Amino acid sequence: MNSKRVLETNRLYLRRLTVEDAENAYRLNLDSKVIQYTGDDSFESIETARQFLANYSHYDQYDFGRWAVIRKDNDEFLGWCGLKYTPELNEYDIGFRFLQKYWNQGYATEAAEACIDLGFNHYKLAKIVGRVRKENIASIRVLEKIGLTYTRDFDFDGNEGVIYSIKR
């Protein structure tokens, strides 16, 4: 497995997702509570997740992306967190998704804060946004904890969404 660490925090390290993460990605998206506010569907199978990861080109295109979040003390996969560039919007966003058993333990905040720092200090991004459905209070709290502030409402696939942002 590609264990090259992209980022490290007190409790976590972040690395590129690889095809070896297919089973974890499948399990993550299988939980309806995890994907409830994302607009994403579950992967049909582990093989579908493997194909998605094999074709994930964000790292090659932009040198960053959504990274696997791993606990340092036991190398356990917790979920993913990272930056994404959307060319149609010319926008960089922070995103995160964690297995439910790791919610409310500060992991999302810890990982997302490190990603924001990397975006500003290494990639010299001017602005990073967070897009979230309005009812996803837990994710909104994470965005606020890492310094993003409410910018505006938007249509999130037919649901009420909010955009938060932070500037360098």
N, C-alpha and C. Protein backbone atom coordinates (compact mmCIF):
# COMPACT_ATOMS: atom_id res chain seq x y z
N MET A 1 0.85 -1.19 0.00
CA MET A 1 0.00 0.00 0.00
C MET A 1 0.88 1.24 0.00
N ASN A 2 0.47 2.24 -0.73
CA ASN A 2 1.20 3.51 -0.77
C ASN A 2 1.01 4.22 0.57
N SER A 3 2.02 4.13 1.42
CA SER A 3 1.86 4.70 2.76
C SER A 3 2.56 6.04 2.89
N LYS A 4 2.93 6.66 1.76
CA LYS A 4 3.59 7.96 1.81
C LYS A 4 2.65 8.97 2.47
N ARG A 5 3.11 9.53 3.55
CA ARG A 5 2.29 10.47 4.30
C ARG A 5 2.33 11.85 3.65
N VAL A 6 1.15 12.39 3.42
CA VAL A 6 1.02 13.72 2.84
C VAL A 6 1.01 14.75 3.96
N LEU A 7 0.32 14.41 5.03
CA LEU A 7 0.14 15.29 6.18
C LEU A 7 0.20 14.48 7.45
N GLU A 8 0.59 15.14 8.53
CA GLU A 8 0.60 14.47 9.82
C GLU A 8 0.08 15.45 10.87
N THR A 9 -0.73 14.95 11.79
CA THR A 9 -1.22 15.74 12.92
C THR A 9 -0.84 14.98 14.20
N ASN A 10 -1.32 15.43 15.33
CA ASN A 10 -0.99 14.75 16.58
C ASN A 10 -1.41 13.28 16.56
N ARG A 11 -2.63 13.00 16.09
CA ARG A 11 -3.16 11.63 16.17
C ARG A 11 -3.26 10.93 14.82
N LEU A 12 -3.09 11.67 13.73
CA LEU A 12 -3.43 11.15 12.41
C LEU A 12 -2.30 11.36 11.41
N TYR A 13 -2.37 10.56 10.36
CA TYR A 13 -1.63 10.92 9.15
C TYR A 13 -2.57 10.74 7.97
N LEU A 14 -2.34 11.54 6.95
CA LEU A 14 -3.14 11.49 5.74
C LEU A 14 -2.23 11.06 4.61
N ARG A 15 -2.75 10.19 3.76
CA ARG A 15 -2.00 9.68 2.61
C ARG A 15 -2.95 9.54 1.43
N ARG A 16 -2.38 9.36 0.26
CA ARG A 16 -3.21 9.16 -0.92
C ARG A 16 -4.07 7.90 -0.77
N LEU A 17 -5.28 7.99 -1.26
CA LEU A 17 -6.13 6.80 -1.36
C LEU A 17 -5.60 5.94 -2.50
N THR A 18 -5.61 4.63 -2.33
CA THR A 18 -5.16 3.71 -3.38
C THR A 18 -6.23 2.64 -3.58
N VAL A 19 -6.05 1.82 -4.60
CA VAL A 19 -7.00 0.73 -4.85
C VAL A 19 -7.06 -0.24 -3.66
N GLU A 20 -6.00 -0.28 -2.87
CA GLU A 20 -6.01 -1.14 -1.68
C GLU A 20 -7.00 -0.64 -0.63
N ASP A 21 -7.50 0.59 -0.78
CA ASP A 21 -8.49 1.15 0.14
C ASP A 21 -9.93 0.83 -0.30
N ALA A 22 -10.09 0.03 -1.32
CA ALA A 22 -11.42 -0.22 -1.88
C ALA A 22 -12.41 -0.75 -0.85
N GLU A 23 -11.99 -1.71 -0.05
CA GLU A 23 -12.93 -2.26 0.94
C GLU A 23 -13.33 -1.20 1.97
N ASN A 24 -12.37 -0.39 2.40
CA ASN A 24 -12.69 0.68 3.35
C ASN A 24 -13.61 1.73 2.72
N ALA A 25 -13.35 2.09 1.48
CA ALA A 25 -14.20 3.07 0.79
C ALA A 25 -15.61 2.52 0.61
N TYR A 26 -15.69 1.24 0.30
CA TYR A 26 -16.99 0.58 0.16
C TYR A 26 -17.75 0.62 1.48
N ARG A 27 -17.08 0.22 2.58
CA ARG A 27 -17.71 0.23 3.91
C ARG A 27 -18.15 1.64 4.30
N LEU A 28 -17.32 2.63 4.02
CA LEU A 28 -17.63 4.01 4.37
C LEU A 28 -18.92 4.47 3.70
N ASN A 29 -19.03 4.23 2.40
CA ASN A 29 -20.21 4.68 1.65
C ASN A 29 -21.41 3.76 1.81
N LEU A 30 -21.21 2.61 2.42
CA LEU A 30 -22.31 1.68 2.66
C LEU A 30 -23.22 2.16 3.78
N ASP A 31 -22.67 2.95 4.70
CA ASP A 31 -23.42 3.45 5.85
C ASP A 31 -24.31 4.61 5.42
N SER A 32 -25.61 4.40 5.47
CA SER A 32 -26.55 5.42 5.01
C SER A 32 -26.45 6.71 5.82
N LYS A 33 -26.07 6.62 7.09
CA LYS A 33 -25.91 7.84 7.90
C LYS A 33 -24.68 8.63 7.47
N VAL A 34 -23.64 7.94 7.02
CA VAL A 34 -22.42 8.61 6.58
C VAL A 34 -22.68 9.41 5.30
N ILE A 35 -23.45 8.86 4.38
CA ILE A 35 -23.67 9.55 3.10
C ILE A 35 -25.01 10.28 3.03
N GLN A 36 -25.72 10.33 4.13
CA GLN A 36 -27.07 10.90 4.16
C GLN A 36 -27.15 12.31 3.59
N TYR A 37 -26.15 13.15 3.82
CA TYR A 37 -26.20 14.55 3.37
C TYR A 37 -25.29 14.83 2.19
N THR A 38 -24.70 13.80 1.60
CA THR A 38 -23.67 14.03 0.58
C THR A 38 -24.19 14.10 -0.85
N GLY A 39 -25.33 13.49 -1.11
CA GLY A 39 -25.80 13.40 -2.48
C GLY A 39 -25.17 12.22 -3.22
N ASP A 40 -24.29 11.48 -2.54
CA ASP A 40 -23.63 10.32 -3.15
C ASP A 40 -24.42 9.06 -2.88
N ASP A 41 -24.24 8.07 -3.75
CA ASP A 41 -24.80 6.75 -3.55
C ASP A 41 -23.72 5.82 -3.01
N SER A 42 -24.15 4.72 -2.45
CA SER A 42 -23.20 3.69 -2.03
C SER A 42 -22.55 3.08 -3.26
N PHE A 43 -21.33 2.56 -3.11
CA PHE A 43 -20.73 1.79 -4.19
C PHE A 43 -21.50 0.48 -4.29
N GLU A 44 -21.67 -0.03 -5.50
CA GLU A 44 -22.41 -1.28 -5.68
C GLU A 44 -21.66 -2.48 -5.10
N SER A 45 -20.34 -2.38 -5.11
CA SER A 45 -19.51 -3.50 -4.64
C SER A 45 -18.12 -2.97 -4.29
N ILE A 46 -17.32 -3.83 -3.70
CA ILE A 46 -15.93 -3.46 -3.44
C ILE A 46 -15.22 -3.22 -4.76
N GLU A 47 -15.55 -4.01 -5.77
CA GLU A 47 -14.93 -3.84 -7.08
C GLU A 47 -15.28 -2.47 -7.69
N THR A 48 -16.50 -2.00 -7.49
CA THR A 48 -16.89 -0.67 -7.98
C THR A 48 -16.06 0.40 -7.27
N ALA A 49 -15.87 0.24 -5.98
CA ALA A 49 -15.03 1.18 -5.23
C ALA A 49 -13.59 1.13 -5.74
N ARG A 50 -13.10 -0.07 -6.03
CA ARG A 50 -11.74 -0.24 -6.56
C ARG A 50 -11.59 0.49 -7.90
N GLN A 51 -12.59 0.35 -8.76
CA GLN A 51 -12.54 1.03 -10.06
C GLN A 51 -12.55 2.55 -9.89
N PHE A 52 -13.39 3.03 -8.97
CA PHE A 52 -13.42 4.47 -8.69
C PHE A 52 -12.03 4.95 -8.26
N LEU A 53 -11.42 4.24 -7.31
CA LEU A 53 -10.11 4.65 -6.81
C LEU A 53 -9.03 4.53 -7.88
N ALA A 54 -9.12 3.52 -8.73
CA ALA A 54 -8.14 3.35 -9.81
C ALA A 54 -8.21 4.51 -10.80
N ASN A 55 -9.39 5.08 -10.95
CA ASN A 55 -9.59 6.17 -11.92
C ASN A 55 -9.57 7.56 -11.28
N TYR A 56 -9.31 7.62 -9.98
CA TYR A 56 -9.29 8.91 -9.28
C TYR A 56 -8.04 9.67 -9.71
N SER A 57 -8.21 10.73 -10.48
CA SER A 57 -7.07 11.41 -11.10
C SER A 57 -6.71 12.75 -10.47
N HIS A 58 -7.38 13.11 -9.40
CA HIS A 58 -7.16 14.43 -8.80
C HIS A 58 -5.70 14.64 -8.37
N TYR A 59 -5.06 13.60 -7.84
CA TYR A 59 -3.66 13.72 -7.41
C TYR A 59 -2.77 14.06 -8.60
N ASP A 60 -2.98 13.37 -9.73
CA ASP A 60 -2.15 13.61 -10.91
C ASP A 60 -2.43 14.99 -11.52
N GLN A 61 -3.69 15.40 -11.50
CA GLN A 61 -4.05 16.69 -12.09
C GLN A 61 -3.64 17.88 -11.24
N TYR A 62 -3.81 17.78 -9.92
CA TYR A 62 -3.64 18.96 -9.06
C TYR A 62 -2.64 18.79 -7.93
N ASP A 63 -2.09 17.58 -7.75
CA ASP A 63 -1.13 17.28 -6.71
C ASP A 63 -1.77 17.21 -5.31
N PHE A 64 -3.09 17.23 -5.25
CA PHE A 64 -3.80 17.06 -3.98
C PHE A 64 -5.13 16.42 -4.29
N GLY A 65 -5.88 16.12 -3.25
CA GLY A 65 -7.19 15.51 -3.43
C GLY A 65 -7.76 15.10 -2.09
N ARG A 66 -8.64 14.13 -2.13
CA ARG A 66 -9.19 13.55 -0.91
C ARG A 66 -8.20 12.48 -0.47
N TRP A 67 -7.75 12.56 0.78
CA TRP A 67 -6.75 11.64 1.29
C TRP A 67 -7.33 10.70 2.33
N ALA A 68 -6.77 9.50 2.40
CA ALA A 68 -7.14 8.56 3.46
C ALA A 68 -6.67 9.14 4.79
N VAL A 69 -7.52 9.06 5.81
CA VAL A 69 -7.17 9.51 7.15
C VAL A 69 -6.92 8.26 7.99
N ILE A 70 -5.72 8.17 8.54
CA ILE A 70 -5.26 6.98 9.26
C ILE A 70 -4.84 7.36 10.67
N ARG A 71 -5.28 6.56 11.63
CA ARG A 71 -4.85 6.79 13.02
C ARG A 71 -3.42 6.32 13.19
N LYS A 72 -2.59 7.17 13.74
CA LYS A 72 -1.16 6.85 13.91
C LYS A 72 -0.91 5.66 14.82
N ASP A 73 -1.65 5.56 15.91
CA ASP A 73 -1.33 4.54 16.91
C ASP A 73 -1.66 3.11 16.49
N ASN A 74 -2.55 2.94 15.50
CA ASN A 74 -2.88 1.57 15.09
C ASN A 74 -3.06 1.39 13.58
N ASP A 75 -2.75 2.42 12.81
CA ASP A 75 -2.87 2.39 11.33
C ASP A 75 -4.28 2.08 10.85
N GLU A 76 -5.27 2.43 11.63
CA GLU A 76 -6.66 2.17 11.25
C GLU A 76 -7.19 3.27 10.33
N PHE A 77 -7.91 2.85 9.29
CA PHE A 77 -8.55 3.75 8.34
C PHE A 77 -9.79 4.36 9.01
N LEU A 78 -9.85 5.70 9.08
CA LEU A 78 -10.98 6.38 9.72
C LEU A 78 -11.95 6.95 8.70
N GLY A 79 -11.45 7.27 7.53
CA GLY A 79 -12.27 7.92 6.50
C GLY A 79 -11.36 8.68 5.55
N TRP A 80 -11.89 9.75 4.99
CA TRP A 80 -11.06 10.58 4.11
C TRP A 80 -11.31 12.05 4.39
N CYS A 81 -10.35 12.86 3.98
CA CYS A 81 -10.43 14.31 4.14
C CYS A 81 -9.49 14.91 3.10
N GLY A 82 -9.84 16.06 2.59
CA GLY A 82 -8.91 16.70 1.68
C GLY A 82 -9.53 17.81 0.87
N LEU A 83 -8.73 18.28 -0.06
CA LEU A 83 -9.09 19.40 -0.93
C LEU A 83 -9.50 18.88 -2.30
N LYS A 84 -10.37 19.61 -2.94
CA LYS A 84 -10.80 19.27 -4.30
C LYS A 84 -10.92 20.56 -5.10
N TYR A 85 -10.46 20.52 -6.33
CA TYR A 85 -10.61 21.66 -7.22
C TYR A 85 -11.73 21.35 -8.21
N THR A 86 -12.67 22.28 -8.36
CA THR A 86 -13.75 22.15 -9.34
C THR A 86 -13.54 23.21 -10.41
N PRO A 87 -13.04 22.80 -11.59
CA PRO A 87 -12.69 23.77 -12.64
C PRO A 87 -13.88 24.62 -13.09
N GLU A 88 -15.09 24.01 -13.18
CA GLU A 88 -16.26 24.75 -13.65
C GLU A 88 -16.56 25.94 -12.75
N LEU A 89 -16.22 25.83 -11.48
CA LEU A 89 -16.47 26.91 -10.52
C LEU A 89 -15.20 27.67 -10.18
N ASN A 90 -14.05 27.17 -10.66
CA ASN A 90 -12.75 27.71 -10.28
C ASN A 90 -12.68 27.84 -8.76
N GLU A 91 -12.96 26.70 -8.10
CA GLU A 91 -13.14 26.73 -6.66
C GLU A 91 -12.46 25.53 -6.00
N TYR A 92 -11.85 25.78 -4.85
CA TYR A 92 -11.23 24.74 -4.05
C TYR A 92 -12.11 24.50 -2.84
N ASP A 93 -12.42 23.23 -2.57
CA ASP A 93 -13.25 22.96 -1.40
C ASP A 93 -12.60 21.94 -0.49
N ILE A 94 -12.98 22.04 0.78
CA ILE A 94 -12.55 21.08 1.80
C ILE A 94 -13.69 20.09 1.99
N GLY A 95 -13.36 18.82 2.04
CA GLY A 95 -14.37 17.79 2.25
C GLY A 95 -13.85 16.74 3.20
N PHE A 96 -14.77 16.05 3.85
CA PHE A 96 -14.38 14.98 4.78
C PHE A 96 -15.53 14.01 4.93
N ARG A 97 -15.17 12.77 5.20
CA ARG A 97 -16.15 11.72 5.44
C ARG A 97 -15.48 10.66 6.32
N PHE A 98 -16.13 10.34 7.43
CA PHE A 98 -15.54 9.41 8.40
C PHE A 98 -16.51 8.29 8.74
N LEU A 99 -15.95 7.13 9.03
CA LEU A 99 -16.78 6.04 9.54
C LEU A 99 -17.48 6.52 10.79
N GLN A 100 -18.71 6.13 10.95
CA GLN A 100 -19.56 6.63 12.04
C GLN A 100 -18.95 6.42 13.43
N LYS A 101 -18.23 5.31 13.61
CA LYS A 101 -17.68 5.05 14.94
C LYS A 101 -16.59 6.05 15.33
N TYR A 102 -16.15 6.90 14.37
CA TYR A 102 -15.14 7.91 14.67
C TYR A 102 -15.72 9.32 14.73
N TRP A 103 -17.03 9.44 14.70
CA TRP A 103 -17.66 10.75 14.81
C TRP A 103 -17.51 11.28 16.24
N ASN A 104 -17.56 12.59 16.37
CA ASN A 104 -17.56 13.26 17.69
C ASN A 104 -16.31 12.99 18.52
N GLN A 105 -15.19 12.76 17.84
CA GLN A 105 -13.92 12.55 18.54
C GLN A 105 -12.85 13.55 18.10
N GLY A 106 -13.27 14.53 17.28
CA GLY A 106 -12.35 15.57 16.84
C GLY A 106 -11.50 15.22 15.64
N TYR A 107 -11.67 14.03 15.08
CA TYR A 107 -10.83 13.62 13.94
C TYR A 107 -11.09 14.47 12.70
N ALA A 108 -12.35 14.75 12.40
CA ALA A 108 -12.67 15.55 11.21
C ALA A 108 -12.07 16.95 11.34
N THR A 109 -12.21 17.55 12.50
CA THR A 109 -11.66 18.88 12.72
C THR A 109 -10.13 18.86 12.60
N GLU A 110 -9.50 17.89 13.21
CA GLU A 110 -8.04 17.78 13.18
C GLU A 110 -7.52 17.60 11.75
N ALA A 111 -8.15 16.71 10.99
CA ALA A 111 -7.71 16.45 9.62
C ALA A 111 -8.01 17.65 8.71
N ALA A 112 -9.20 18.21 8.83
CA ALA A 112 -9.60 19.32 7.96
C ALA A 112 -8.75 20.56 8.22
N GLU A 113 -8.44 20.82 9.48
CA GLU A 113 -7.59 21.96 9.81
C GLU A 113 -6.21 21.82 9.15
N ALA A 114 -5.66 20.61 9.19
CA ALA A 114 -4.36 20.36 8.55
C ALA A 114 -4.44 20.56 7.04
N CYS A 115 -5.56 20.16 6.44
CA CYS A 115 -5.74 20.33 5.00
C CYS A 115 -5.86 21.81 4.62
N ILE A 116 -6.56 22.58 5.43
CA ILE A 116 -6.68 24.03 5.19
C ILE A 116 -5.28 24.66 5.26
N ASP A 117 -4.52 24.32 6.29
CA ASP A 117 -3.16 24.85 6.43
C ASP A 117 -2.31 24.51 5.20
N LEU A 118 -2.39 23.26 4.75
CA LEU A 118 -1.64 22.83 3.58
C LEU A 118 -2.08 23.61 2.34
N GLY A 119 -3.38 23.78 2.19
CA GLY A 119 -3.89 24.53 1.03
C GLY A 119 -3.37 25.94 0.97
N PHE A 120 -3.33 26.61 2.11
CA PHE A 120 -2.86 28.00 2.15
C PHE A 120 -1.34 28.10 2.11
N ASN A 121 -0.66 27.29 2.90
CA ASN A 121 0.79 27.45 3.05
C ASN A 121 1.62 26.74 1.99
N HIS A 122 1.17 25.60 1.50
CA HIS A 122 1.94 24.88 0.49
C HIS A 122 1.44 25.19 -0.93
N TYR A 123 0.13 25.11 -1.11
CA TYR A 123 -0.43 25.32 -2.45
C TYR A 123 -0.77 26.78 -2.74
N LYS A 124 -0.65 27.64 -1.73
CA LYS A 124 -0.87 29.08 -1.88
C LYS A 124 -2.26 29.42 -2.42
N LEU A 125 -3.25 28.63 -2.02
CA LEU A 125 -4.63 28.91 -2.43
C LEU A 125 -5.08 30.20 -1.76
N ALA A 126 -5.89 30.97 -2.45
CA ALA A 126 -6.37 32.24 -1.90
C ALA A 126 -7.63 32.05 -1.07
N LYS A 127 -8.44 31.04 -1.43
CA LYS A 127 -9.73 30.85 -0.77
C LYS A 127 -10.10 29.37 -0.83
N ILE A 128 -10.71 28.89 0.24
CA ILE A 128 -11.20 27.51 0.30
C ILE A 128 -12.64 27.57 0.81
N VAL A 129 -13.51 26.78 0.17
CA VAL A 129 -14.91 26.76 0.57
C VAL A 129 -15.28 25.39 1.13
N GLY A 130 -16.39 25.38 1.84
CA GLY A 130 -17.01 24.14 2.28
C GLY A 130 -18.46 24.20 1.86
N ARG A 131 -18.91 23.19 1.14
CA ARG A 131 -20.30 23.11 0.67
C ARG A 131 -20.99 22.03 1.48
N VAL A 132 -22.14 22.35 2.06
CA VAL A 132 -22.79 21.38 2.94
C VAL A 132 -24.30 21.60 2.91
N ARG A 133 -25.04 20.52 3.08
CA ARG A 133 -26.49 20.67 3.23
C ARG A 133 -26.78 21.33 4.56
N LYS A 134 -27.77 22.20 4.56
CA LYS A 134 -28.09 23.03 5.73
C LYS A 134 -28.39 22.20 6.97
N GLU A 135 -28.98 21.02 6.81
CA GLU A 135 -29.33 20.21 7.97
C GLU A 135 -28.15 19.40 8.53
N ASN A 136 -27.00 19.45 7.86
CA ASN A 136 -25.83 18.70 8.32
C ASN A 136 -25.06 19.55 9.35
N ILE A 137 -25.65 19.66 10.52
CA ILE A 137 -25.13 20.53 11.58
C ILE A 137 -23.72 20.13 12.01
N ALA A 138 -23.45 18.83 12.09
CA ALA A 138 -22.12 18.38 12.54
C ALA A 138 -21.02 18.86 11.59
N SER A 139 -21.25 18.76 10.28
CA SER A 139 -20.24 19.22 9.33
C SER A 139 -20.11 20.74 9.35
N ILE A 140 -21.22 21.43 9.53
CA ILE A 140 -21.15 22.89 9.64
C ILE A 140 -20.30 23.27 10.85
N ARG A 141 -20.46 22.57 11.96
CA ARG A 141 -19.65 22.85 13.15
C ARG A 141 -18.16 22.66 12.88
N VAL A 142 -17.84 21.60 12.13
CA VAL A 142 -16.43 21.37 11.79
C VAL A 142 -15.91 22.54 10.96
N LEU A 143 -16.67 22.96 9.96
CA LEU A 143 -16.24 24.08 9.11
C LEU A 143 -16.01 25.33 9.96
N GLU A 144 -16.89 25.58 10.89
CA GLU A 144 -16.74 26.76 11.76
C GLU A 144 -15.52 26.63 12.66
N LYS A 145 -15.28 25.44 13.20
CA LYS A 145 -14.13 25.23 14.09
C LYS A 145 -12.80 25.46 13.37
N ILE A 146 -12.77 25.18 12.07
CA ILE A 146 -11.52 25.35 11.32
C ILE A 146 -11.42 26.72 10.67
N GLY A 147 -12.36 27.61 11.00
CA GLY A 147 -12.23 29.00 10.59
C GLY A 147 -13.07 29.46 9.41
N LEU A 148 -13.86 28.56 8.82
CA LEU A 148 -14.70 28.99 7.71
C LEU A 148 -15.94 29.71 8.25
N THR A 149 -16.43 30.67 7.50
CA THR A 149 -17.62 31.41 7.90
C THR A 149 -18.66 31.35 6.80
N TYR A 150 -19.91 31.47 7.21
CA TYR A 150 -21.03 31.40 6.27
C TYR A 150 -20.87 32.46 5.19
N THR A 151 -21.08 32.05 3.94
CA THR A 151 -21.00 32.96 2.81
C THR A 151 -22.36 33.17 2.16
N ARG A 152 -23.02 32.04 1.84
CA ARG A 152 -24.32 32.16 1.18
C ARG A 152 -25.02 30.81 1.12
N ASP A 153 -26.31 30.86 0.80
CA ASP A 153 -27.08 29.65 0.55
C ASP A 153 -26.87 29.23 -0.91
N PHE A 154 -27.13 27.96 -1.20
CA PHE A 154 -27.11 27.48 -2.59
C PHE A 154 -27.96 26.23 -2.70
N ASP A 155 -28.28 25.86 -3.93
CA ASP A 155 -29.08 24.67 -4.20
C ASP A 155 -28.14 23.47 -4.22
N PHE A 156 -28.28 22.59 -3.25
CA PHE A 156 -27.45 21.40 -3.12
C PHE A 156 -28.26 20.22 -3.65
N ASP A 157 -28.21 20.03 -4.95
CA ASP A 157 -28.94 18.92 -5.59
C ASP A 157 -30.41 18.88 -5.17
N GLY A 158 -31.07 20.03 -5.18
CA GLY A 158 -32.48 20.09 -4.83
C GLY A 158 -32.74 20.24 -3.35
N ASN A 159 -31.69 20.34 -2.54
CA ASN A 159 -31.82 20.54 -1.09
C ASN A 159 -31.22 21.91 -0.74
N GLU A 160 -31.58 22.40 0.44
CA GLU A 160 -31.00 23.65 0.90
C GLU A 160 -29.56 23.41 1.32
N GLY A 161 -28.67 24.17 0.73
CA GLY A 161 -27.26 24.06 1.06
C GLY A 161 -26.70 25.40 1.50
N VAL A 162 -25.55 25.34 2.14
CA VAL A 162 -24.84 26.55 2.54
C VAL A 162 -23.39 26.42 2.12
N ILE A 163 -22.82 27.56 1.79
CA ILE A 163 -21.40 27.63 1.46
C ILE A 163 -20.71 28.45 2.55
N TYR A 164 -19.65 27.85 3.07
CA TYR A 164 -18.78 28.52 4.03
C TYR A 164 -17.45 28.76 3.33
N SER A 165 -16.70 29.77 3.74
CA SER A 165 -15.42 30.01 3.10
C SER A 165 -14.41 30.61 4.07
N ILE A 166 -13.17 30.51 3.66
CA ILE A 166 -12.06 31.11 4.39
C ILE A 166 -11.06 31.59 3.36
N LYS A 167 -10.46 32.75 3.64
CA LYS A 167 -9.43 33.30 2.75
C LYS A 167 -8.09 33.30 3.47
N ARG A 168 -7.06 33.18 2.66
CA ARG A 168 -5.69 33.18 3.21
C ARG A 168 -5.36 34.53 3.76
